[in-house]
Amino acid sequence: MKNNTALTFIAGAVMLTAGLFWLMQIVQVSSLWGGGWMIGGMQVSGGVTLVPFIIGIVWLFFNPKSVPARIVSILGAVIIVAGVLLSIRFYMRPTSLYIFILIFVLIAGGCGLLARVIFTKSGKS
């Protein structure tokens, strides 16, 4: 029996896509922005994260060629993005164990088939 890599690739891609789609259907995403987050054991509110960014922007308008002003602005933007990312929460909706196992079998099987096609040497049959 001849090994058909195109069919294996398509089957793996379909399995992976179906499993990931099904997983995304049961995952619920919510955000807690504004409630703050913890830095070194201290609660920091969402508005405080804007302060370094505002200081850096004001400093850049005062002195546009200042390297420290650019660093403060970039760090302020990074703090804001990190705050948004840290405030995202993922919850799984209640589902049966059968569906849960089926989802992860599709994902793992699809990844396995794709890995077989991608990492197998072409001269080997």
C-alpha atoms as a PDB file:
ATOM      1  CA  MET A   1       0.000   0.000   0.000  1.00  0.00           C
ATOM      2  CA  LYS A   2       1.439   3.363  -1.077  1.00  0.00           C
ATOM      3  CA  ASN A   3       1.836   6.163   1.468  1.00  0.00           C
ATOM      4  CA  ASN A   4      -0.169   9.183   0.285  1.00  0.00           C
ATOM      5  CA  THR A   5       1.296  12.246   2.017  1.00  0.00           C
ATOM      6  CA  ALA A   6      -1.185  14.707   0.485  1.00  0.00           C
ATOM      7  CA  LEU A   7      -4.143  12.741   1.862  1.00  0.00           C
ATOM      8  CA  THR A   8      -2.456  12.458   5.266  1.00  0.00           C
ATOM      9  CA  PHE A   9      -1.794  16.198   5.291  1.00  0.00           C
ATOM     10  CA  ILE A  10      -5.393  17.046   4.364  1.00  0.00           C
ATOM     11  CA  ALA A  11      -6.798  14.620   6.958  1.00  0.00           C
ATOM     12  CA  GLY A  12      -4.531  16.097   9.637  1.00  0.00           C
ATOM     13  CA  ALA A  13      -5.447  19.662   8.687  1.00  0.00           C
ATOM     14  CA  VAL A  14      -9.167  18.845   8.746  1.00  0.00           C
ATOM     15  CA  MET A  15      -8.897  17.079  12.130  1.00  0.00           C
ATOM     16  CA  LEU A  16      -6.877  19.919  13.645  1.00  0.00           C
ATOM     17  CA  THR A  17      -9.203  22.586  12.255  1.00  0.00           C
ATOM     18  CA  ALA A  18     -12.330  20.750  13.457  1.00  0.00           C
ATOM     19  CA  GLY A  19     -10.888  20.197  16.937  1.00  0.00           C
ATOM     20  CA  LEU A  20      -9.735  23.804  17.334  1.00  0.00           C
ATOM     21  CA  PHE A  21     -13.066  25.129  16.025  1.00  0.00           C
ATOM     22  CA  TRP A  22     -14.986  22.949  18.458  1.00  0.00           C
ATOM     23  CA  LEU A  23     -12.700  23.988  21.329  1.00  0.00           C
ATOM     24  CA  MET A  24     -13.219  27.668  20.501  1.00  0.00           C
ATOM     25  CA  GLN A  25     -16.971  27.115  20.596  1.00  0.00           C
ATOM     26  CA  ILE A  26     -16.887  26.006  24.252  1.00  0.00           C
ATOM     27  CA  VAL A  27     -14.355  28.557  25.529  1.00  0.00           C
ATOM     28  CA  GLN A  28     -15.810  31.803  26.841  1.00  0.00           C
ATOM     29  CA  VAL A  29     -13.583  34.893  27.066  1.00  0.00           C
ATOM     30  CA  SER A  30     -14.178  37.810  29.424  1.00  0.00           C
ATOM     31  CA  SER A  31     -12.193  40.809  30.552  1.00  0.00           C
ATOM     32  CA  LEU A  32     -11.751  42.443  33.929  1.00  0.00           C
ATOM     33  CA  TRP A  33     -10.145  45.686  32.689  1.00  0.00           C
ATOM     34  CA  GLY A  34     -10.387  48.549  35.157  1.00  0.00           C
ATOM     35  CA  GLY A  35     -10.347  46.303  38.185  1.00  0.00           C
ATOM     36  CA  GLY A  36      -6.567  46.451  38.333  1.00  0.00           C
ATOM     37  CA  TRP A  37      -3.900  43.806  38.677  1.00  0.00           C
ATOM     38  CA  MET A  38      -1.154  42.818  41.103  1.00  0.00           C
ATOM     39  CA  ILE A  39       2.472  43.996  40.951  1.00  0.00           C
ATOM     40  CA  GLY A  40       4.727  42.692  43.692  1.00  0.00           C
ATOM     41  CA  GLY A  41       1.818  42.055  46.046  1.00  0.00           C
ATOM     42  CA  MET A  42       0.311  45.525  45.555  1.00  0.00           C
ATOM     43  CA  GLN A  43      -3.029  46.114  43.840  1.00  0.00           C
ATOM     44  CA  VAL A  44      -2.580  48.564  40.930  1.00  0.00           C
ATOM     45  CA  SER A  45      -5.638  50.157  39.363  1.00  0.00           C
ATOM     46  CA  GLY A  46      -6.081  50.334  35.592  1.00  0.00           C
ATOM     47  CA  GLY A  47      -5.699  54.121  35.477  1.00  0.00           C
ATOM     48  CA  VAL A  48      -2.291  54.098  37.166  1.00  0.00           C
ATOM     49  CA  THR A  49      -0.860  52.112  34.253  1.00  0.00           C
ATOM     50  CA  LEU A  50      -1.412  55.141  31.995  1.00  0.00           C
ATOM     51  CA  VAL A  51       0.862  57.424  34.046  1.00  0.00           C
ATOM     52  CA  PRO A  52       4.260  56.283  32.630  1.00  0.00           C
ATOM     53  CA  PHE A  53       2.884  56.447  29.090  1.00  0.00           C
ATOM     54  CA  ILE A  54       1.527  59.983  29.581  1.00  0.00           C
ATOM     55  CA  ILE A  55       4.790  61.127  31.175  1.00  0.00           C
ATOM     56  CA  GLY A  56       6.770  59.674  28.253  1.00  0.00           C
ATOM     57  CA  ILE A  57       4.532  61.346  25.654  1.00  0.00           C
ATOM     58  CA  VAL A  58       4.756  64.757  27.399  1.00  0.00           C
ATOM     59  CA  TRP A  59       8.528  64.327  27.647  1.00  0.00           C
ATOM     60  CA  LEU A  60       8.705  63.456  23.924  1.00  0.00           C
ATOM     61  CA  PHE A  61       6.776  66.600  22.991  1.00  0.00           C
ATOM     62  CA  PHE A  62       9.159  68.641  25.157  1.00  0.00           C
ATOM     63  CA  ASN A  63      12.325  66.971  23.805  1.00  0.00           C
ATOM     64  CA  PRO A  64      11.658  64.821  20.685  1.00  0.00           C
ATOM     65  CA  LYS A  65      15.226  63.465  20.425  1.00  0.00           C
ATOM     66  CA  SER A  66      15.426  62.240  24.024  1.00  0.00           C
ATOM     67  CA  VAL A  67      16.247  58.530  24.280  1.00  0.00           C
ATOM     68  CA  PRO A  68      15.008  58.204  27.903  1.00  0.00           C
ATOM     69  CA  ALA A  69      11.666  59.741  26.841  1.00  0.00           C
ATOM     70  CA  ARG A  70      11.306  57.104  24.138  1.00  0.00           C
ATOM     71  CA  ILE A  71      12.167  54.361  26.619  1.00  0.00           C
ATOM     72  CA  VAL A  72       9.578  55.642  29.125  1.00  0.00           C
ATOM     73  CA  SER A  73       6.946  55.884  26.361  1.00  0.00           C
ATOM     74  CA  ILE A  74       7.664  52.360  25.119  1.00  0.00           C
ATOM     75  CA  LEU A  75       7.642  50.955  28.670  1.00  0.00           C
ATOM     76  CA  GLY A  76       4.335  52.736  29.321  1.00  0.00           C
ATOM     77  CA  ALA A  77       2.823  51.180  26.194  1.00  0.00           C
ATOM     78  CA  VAL A  78       4.162  47.751  27.207  1.00  0.00           C
ATOM     79  CA  ILE A  79       2.616  48.145  30.681  1.00  0.00           C
ATOM     80  CA  ILE A  80      -0.757  49.028  29.114  1.00  0.00           C
ATOM     81  CA  VAL A  81      -0.665  46.039  26.739  1.00  0.00           C
ATOM     82  CA  ALA A  82       0.439  43.729  29.572  1.00  0.00           C
ATOM     83  CA  GLY A  83      -2.423  45.019  31.724  1.00  0.00           C
ATOM     84  CA  VAL A  84      -4.943  44.261  28.997  1.00  0.00           C
ATOM     85  CA  LEU A  85      -3.517  40.780  28.400  1.00  0.00           C
ATOM     86  CA  LEU A  86      -3.399  39.994  32.118  1.00  0.00           C
ATOM     87  CA  SER A  87      -7.032  41.005  32.539  1.00  0.00           C
ATOM     88  CA  ILE A  88      -8.335  38.433  30.027  1.00  0.00           C
ATOM     89  CA  ARG A  89      -9.990  35.382  31.574  1.00  0.00           C
ATOM     90  CA  PHE A  90     -10.855  32.133  29.802  1.00  0.00           C
ATOM     91  CA  TYR A  91     -13.700  29.902  31.000  1.00  0.00           C
ATOM     92  CA  MET A  92     -14.896  26.624  29.539  1.00  0.00           C
ATOM     93  CA  ARG A  93     -18.631  26.108  29.264  1.00  0.00           C
ATOM     94  CA  PRO A  94     -19.932  22.891  30.819  1.00  0.00           C
ATOM     95  CA  THR A  95     -19.665  20.002  28.369  1.00  0.00           C
ATOM     96  CA  SER A  96     -19.700  16.229  28.547  1.00  0.00           C
ATOM     97  CA  LEU A  97     -16.519  14.242  29.044  1.00  0.00           C
ATOM     98  CA  TYR A  98     -17.135  12.493  25.715  1.00  0.00           C
ATOM     99  CA  ILE A  99     -17.124  15.803  23.807  1.00  0.00           C
ATOM    100  CA  PHE A 100     -14.076  17.027  25.761  1.00  0.00           C
ATOM    101  CA  ILE A 101     -12.077  13.874  24.926  1.00  0.00           C
ATOM    102  CA  LEU A 102     -13.239  13.974  21.290  1.00  0.00           C
ATOM    103  CA  ILE A 103     -12.039  17.579  20.924  1.00  0.00           C
ATOM    104  CA  PHE A 104      -8.574  16.805  22.227  1.00  0.00           C
ATOM    105  CA  VAL A 105      -8.297  13.572  20.208  1.00  0.00           C
ATOM    106  CA  LEU A 106      -9.060  15.597  17.068  1.00  0.00           C
ATOM    107  CA  ILE A 107      -6.466  18.226  17.986  1.00  0.00           C
ATOM    108  CA  ALA A 108      -3.746  15.733  18.994  1.00  0.00           C
ATOM    109  CA  GLY A 109      -4.459  13.402  16.058  1.00  0.00           C
ATOM    110  CA  GLY A 110      -4.422  16.288  13.592  1.00  0.00           C
ATOM    111  CA  CYS A 111      -1.128  17.572  14.995  1.00  0.00           C
ATOM    112  CA  GLY A 112       0.329  14.056  14.809  1.00  0.00           C
ATOM    113  CA  LEU A 113      -0.675  13.565  11.181  1.00  0.00           C
ATOM    114  CA  LEU A 114       0.643  16.989  10.204  1.00  0.00           C
ATOM    115  CA  ALA A 115       3.911  16.332  12.058  1.00  0.00           C
ATOM    116  CA  ARG A 116       4.277  12.993  10.255  1.00  0.00           C
ATOM    117  CA  VAL A 117       3.986  14.707   6.878  1.00  0.00           C
ATOM    118  CA  ILE A 118       6.163  17.694   7.768  1.00  0.00           C
ATOM    119  CA  PHE A 119       9.018  15.844   9.490  1.00  0.00           C
ATOM    120  CA  THR A 120       9.192  12.681   7.317  1.00  0.00           C
ATOM    121  CA  LYS A 121      11.985  12.621   4.770  1.00  0.00           C
ATOM    122  CA  SER A 122      10.654  12.713   1.203  1.00  0.00           C
ATOM    123  CA  GLY A 123      12.807   9.777  -0.016  1.00  0.00           C
ATOM    124  CA  LYS A 124      11.372   7.456   2.637  1.00  0.00           C
ATOM    125  CA  SER A 125       8.222   5.488   1.726  1.00  0.00           C
END
